[in-house]
């Protein structure tokens, strides 16, 4: 049973972000949560952070267009997690 779990973990580590559980990807080492305005995730009555996983190389186009995808998007609010790149 332990060998199976270990094999599954190895597969997870090698998978790209679209096939991995975000709980395993967005760890405290990656996500900034200090109770300040610089936090990566913000949840209020009127504002919620949304995580978007993009195909490699499409981040520039996303940054140029995401504000037009729907109403009520905070302008210039998109961020990329540091040290988190798809395989």
N, C-alpha and C. Protein backbone atom coordinates (compact mmCIF):
# COMPACT_ATOMS: atom_id res chain seq x y z
N UNK A 1 0.83 -1.19 0.00
CA UNK A 1 0.00 0.00 0.00
C UNK A 1 0.88 1.26 0.00
N UNK A 2 1.94 1.24 0.78
CA UNK A 2 2.85 2.39 0.83
C UNK A 2 3.52 2.62 -0.52
N UNK A 3 3.88 1.54 -1.20
CA UNK A 3 4.52 1.67 -2.52
C UNK A 3 3.56 2.30 -3.52
N UNK A 4 2.29 1.94 -3.44
CA UNK A 4 1.28 2.53 -4.33
C UNK A 4 1.14 4.02 -4.07
N UNK A 5 1.06 4.39 -2.80
CA UNK A 5 0.95 5.81 -2.44
C UNK A 5 2.18 6.58 -2.91
N UNK A 6 3.33 6.01 -2.73
CA UNK A 6 4.58 6.65 -3.14
C UNK A 6 4.62 6.83 -4.67
N UNK A 7 4.17 5.82 -5.40
CA UNK A 7 4.10 5.92 -6.86
C UNK A 7 3.13 6.99 -7.31
N UNK A 8 1.99 7.07 -6.64
CA UNK A 8 1.01 8.09 -6.98
C UNK A 8 1.55 9.49 -6.71
N UNK A 9 2.29 9.66 -5.63
CA UNK A 9 2.90 10.96 -5.32
C UNK A 9 3.91 11.34 -6.39
N UNK A 10 4.70 10.38 -6.83
CA UNK A 10 5.69 10.66 -7.87
C UNK A 10 5.01 11.08 -9.16
N UNK A 11 3.89 10.44 -9.49
CA UNK A 11 3.14 10.81 -10.69
C UNK A 11 2.60 12.22 -10.56
N UNK A 12 2.09 12.57 -9.37
CA UNK A 12 1.57 13.91 -9.14
C UNK A 12 2.66 14.95 -9.34
N UNK A 13 3.84 14.70 -8.81
CA UNK A 13 4.94 15.65 -8.91
C UNK A 13 5.34 15.87 -10.36
N UNK A 14 5.23 14.85 -11.19
CA UNK A 14 5.62 14.97 -12.58
C UNK A 14 4.53 15.49 -13.49
N UNK A 15 3.30 15.56 -13.00
CA UNK A 15 2.17 15.98 -13.83
C UNK A 15 2.17 17.49 -14.02
N UNK A 16 1.55 17.93 -15.11
CA UNK A 16 1.44 19.38 -15.28
C UNK A 16 0.34 19.91 -14.37
N UNK A 17 0.23 21.22 -14.27
CA UNK A 17 -0.68 21.82 -13.29
C UNK A 17 -2.15 21.50 -13.54
N UNK A 18 -2.53 21.26 -14.78
CA UNK A 18 -3.93 20.96 -15.05
C UNK A 18 -4.34 19.60 -14.51
N UNK A 19 -3.39 18.73 -14.23
CA UNK A 19 -3.69 17.39 -13.72
C UNK A 19 -3.36 17.21 -12.25
N UNK A 20 -3.01 18.27 -11.58
CA UNK A 20 -2.64 18.17 -10.17
C UNK A 20 -3.67 18.85 -9.28
N UNK A 21 -3.78 18.39 -8.07
CA UNK A 21 -4.68 18.98 -7.09
C UNK A 21 -4.05 20.30 -6.62
N UNK A 22 -4.81 21.39 -6.69
CA UNK A 22 -4.25 22.69 -6.30
C UNK A 22 -3.86 22.76 -4.83
N UNK A 23 -4.43 21.92 -4.01
CA UNK A 23 -4.03 21.87 -2.60
C UNK A 23 -2.56 21.44 -2.48
N UNK A 24 -2.13 20.58 -3.40
CA UNK A 24 -0.74 20.14 -3.40
C UNK A 24 0.19 21.15 -4.07
N UNK A 25 -0.36 22.01 -4.91
CA UNK A 25 0.45 22.96 -5.67
C UNK A 25 0.58 24.29 -4.94
N UNK A 26 -0.52 24.82 -4.44
CA UNK A 26 -0.53 26.13 -3.79
C UNK A 26 -0.28 25.98 -2.29
N UNK A 27 0.93 25.61 -1.97
CA UNK A 27 1.34 25.38 -0.58
C UNK A 27 1.76 26.70 0.07
N UNK A 28 1.92 26.70 1.39
CA UNK A 28 2.39 27.92 2.07
C UNK A 28 3.74 28.43 1.55
N UNK A 29 4.54 27.57 0.95
CA UNK A 29 5.81 28.02 0.36
C UNK A 29 5.58 28.87 -0.88
N UNK A 30 4.43 28.70 -1.54
CA UNK A 30 4.13 29.38 -2.79
C UNK A 30 3.20 30.57 -2.57
N UNK A 31 2.21 30.40 -1.70
CA UNK A 31 1.16 31.39 -1.51
C UNK A 31 1.52 32.36 -0.38
N UNK A 32 1.30 33.64 -0.63
CA UNK A 32 1.55 34.66 0.38
C UNK A 32 0.25 34.96 1.12
N UNK A 33 0.20 34.65 2.40
CA UNK A 33 -0.97 34.90 3.24
C UNK A 33 -0.51 35.43 4.59
N UNK A 34 -0.39 36.75 4.67
CA UNK A 34 0.10 37.37 5.91
C UNK A 34 -0.90 38.35 6.49
N UNK A 35 -2.11 38.41 5.92
CA UNK A 35 -3.11 39.33 6.43
C UNK A 35 -2.92 40.75 5.95
N UNK A 36 -2.25 40.92 4.80
CA UNK A 36 -2.01 42.26 4.27
C UNK A 36 -2.64 42.39 2.88
N UNK A 37 -2.57 43.59 2.34
CA UNK A 37 -3.11 43.85 1.01
C UNK A 37 -2.30 43.13 -0.07
N UNK A 38 -1.12 42.66 0.25
CA UNK A 38 -0.26 41.96 -0.70
C UNK A 38 -0.53 40.46 -0.76
N UNK A 39 -1.49 39.97 0.02
CA UNK A 39 -1.82 38.54 0.02
C UNK A 39 -2.25 38.08 -1.36
N UNK A 40 -1.98 36.82 -1.67
CA UNK A 40 -2.36 36.26 -2.95
C UNK A 40 -3.85 35.96 -3.04
N UNK A 41 -4.49 35.63 -1.93
CA UNK A 41 -5.91 35.32 -1.92
C UNK A 41 -6.65 36.33 -1.06
N UNK A 42 -7.70 36.89 -1.62
CA UNK A 42 -8.52 37.87 -0.91
C UNK A 42 -9.97 37.41 -0.99
N UNK A 43 -10.62 37.34 0.15
CA UNK A 43 -12.03 36.97 0.21
C UNK A 43 -12.76 37.99 1.06
N UNK A 44 -13.65 38.76 0.45
CA UNK A 44 -14.49 39.70 1.16
C UNK A 44 -15.92 39.53 0.65
N UNK A 45 -16.82 40.36 1.15
CA UNK A 45 -18.21 40.30 0.71
C UNK A 45 -18.33 40.59 -0.79
N UNK A 46 -17.44 41.43 -1.31
CA UNK A 46 -17.55 41.87 -2.69
C UNK A 46 -16.38 41.45 -3.59
N UNK A 47 -15.43 40.70 -3.05
CA UNK A 47 -14.24 40.37 -3.82
C UNK A 47 -13.78 38.96 -3.50
N UNK A 48 -13.49 38.17 -4.53
CA UNK A 48 -13.00 36.81 -4.36
C UNK A 48 -11.88 36.56 -5.36
N UNK A 49 -10.83 35.95 -4.90
CA UNK A 49 -9.71 35.60 -5.76
C UNK A 49 -10.06 34.35 -6.56
N UNK A 50 -9.70 34.36 -7.83
CA UNK A 50 -9.91 33.22 -8.71
C UNK A 50 -8.56 32.76 -9.25
N UNK A 51 -8.29 31.46 -9.18
CA UNK A 51 -7.05 30.91 -9.72
C UNK A 51 -7.32 30.42 -11.14
N UNK A 52 -6.46 30.80 -12.07
CA UNK A 52 -6.57 30.40 -13.47
C UNK A 52 -5.27 29.72 -13.87
N UNK A 53 -5.38 28.53 -14.42
CA UNK A 53 -4.20 27.83 -14.93
C UNK A 53 -4.22 27.96 -16.44
N UNK A 54 -3.14 28.50 -16.97
CA UNK A 54 -3.05 28.78 -18.40
C UNK A 54 -2.07 27.86 -19.09
N UNK A 55 -2.31 27.57 -20.36
CA UNK A 55 -1.31 26.82 -21.13
C UNK A 55 -0.01 27.62 -21.22
N UNK A 56 1.09 26.93 -21.29
CA UNK A 56 2.39 27.58 -21.38
C UNK A 56 2.43 28.56 -22.56
N UNK A 57 2.92 29.76 -22.31
CA UNK A 57 3.07 30.75 -23.36
C UNK A 57 1.87 31.64 -23.60
N UNK A 58 0.76 31.40 -22.90
CA UNK A 58 -0.43 32.21 -23.13
C UNK A 58 -0.63 33.27 -22.06
N UNK A 59 0.32 33.42 -21.14
CA UNK A 59 0.14 34.37 -20.05
C UNK A 59 0.11 35.83 -20.52
N UNK A 60 0.88 36.19 -21.53
CA UNK A 60 0.89 37.57 -22.02
C UNK A 60 -0.47 37.93 -22.64
N UNK A 61 -1.02 37.02 -23.42
CA UNK A 61 -2.34 37.28 -24.02
C UNK A 61 -3.42 37.35 -22.95
N UNK A 62 -3.35 36.47 -21.95
CA UNK A 62 -4.32 36.52 -20.84
C UNK A 62 -4.23 37.86 -20.13
N UNK A 63 -3.03 38.31 -19.81
CA UNK A 63 -2.84 39.58 -19.10
C UNK A 63 -3.40 40.75 -19.89
N UNK A 64 -3.32 40.66 -21.20
CA UNK A 64 -3.81 41.74 -22.06
C UNK A 64 -5.34 41.76 -22.12
N UNK A 65 -5.98 40.60 -21.93
CA UNK A 65 -7.42 40.51 -22.18
C UNK A 65 -8.31 40.16 -20.99
N UNK A 66 -7.77 39.72 -19.87
CA UNK A 66 -8.62 39.17 -18.80
C UNK A 66 -9.63 40.17 -18.26
N UNK A 67 -9.33 41.45 -18.31
CA UNK A 67 -10.25 42.45 -17.76
C UNK A 67 -11.54 42.55 -18.57
N UNK A 68 -11.55 42.01 -19.79
CA UNK A 68 -12.74 42.09 -20.65
C UNK A 68 -13.56 40.81 -20.63
N UNK A 69 -13.13 39.78 -19.91
CA UNK A 69 -13.84 38.49 -19.92
C UNK A 69 -15.21 38.56 -19.28
N UNK A 70 -15.38 39.37 -18.27
CA UNK A 70 -16.65 39.49 -17.57
C UNK A 70 -16.68 40.83 -16.83
N UNK A 71 -17.84 41.18 -16.31
CA UNK A 71 -17.96 42.43 -15.55
C UNK A 71 -17.30 42.26 -14.18
N UNK A 72 -17.00 43.36 -13.57
CA UNK A 72 -16.52 43.43 -12.19
C UNK A 72 -15.16 42.77 -11.96
N UNK A 73 -14.30 42.80 -12.95
CA UNK A 73 -12.92 42.34 -12.77
C UNK A 73 -12.09 43.53 -12.34
N UNK A 74 -11.32 43.36 -11.28
CA UNK A 74 -10.47 44.44 -10.80
C UNK A 74 -9.35 44.66 -11.82
N UNK A 75 -9.26 45.86 -12.38
CA UNK A 75 -8.22 46.13 -13.38
C UNK A 75 -6.81 45.95 -12.80
N UNK A 76 -5.94 45.41 -13.62
CA UNK A 76 -4.53 45.23 -13.28
C UNK A 76 -4.33 44.39 -12.00
N UNK A 77 -5.20 43.42 -11.79
CA UNK A 77 -5.12 42.61 -10.57
C UNK A 77 -4.52 41.22 -10.80
N UNK A 78 -4.26 40.85 -12.04
CA UNK A 78 -3.72 39.52 -12.31
C UNK A 78 -2.29 39.41 -11.79
N UNK A 79 -1.98 38.25 -11.21
CA UNK A 79 -0.64 37.98 -10.71
C UNK A 79 -0.24 36.58 -11.09
N UNK A 80 1.05 36.37 -11.16
CA UNK A 80 1.58 35.03 -11.38
C UNK A 80 2.31 34.61 -10.11
N UNK A 81 2.06 33.39 -9.67
CA UNK A 81 2.75 32.90 -8.49
C UNK A 81 4.23 32.74 -8.81
N UNK A 82 5.07 33.24 -7.95
CA UNK A 82 6.51 33.11 -8.14
C UNK A 82 6.92 31.65 -7.93
N UNK A 83 7.88 31.21 -8.68
CA UNK A 83 8.44 29.86 -8.56
C UNK A 83 7.41 28.77 -8.81
N UNK A 84 6.39 29.06 -9.61
CA UNK A 84 5.38 28.06 -9.93
C UNK A 84 5.18 28.05 -11.43
N UNK A 85 5.85 27.13 -12.09
CA UNK A 85 5.75 27.00 -13.54
C UNK A 85 5.28 25.61 -13.89
N UNK A 86 4.51 25.55 -14.96
CA UNK A 86 4.01 24.26 -15.43
C UNK A 86 5.17 23.46 -16.03
N UNK A 87 5.09 22.15 -15.93
CA UNK A 87 6.15 21.28 -16.45
C UNK A 87 5.98 21.07 -17.93
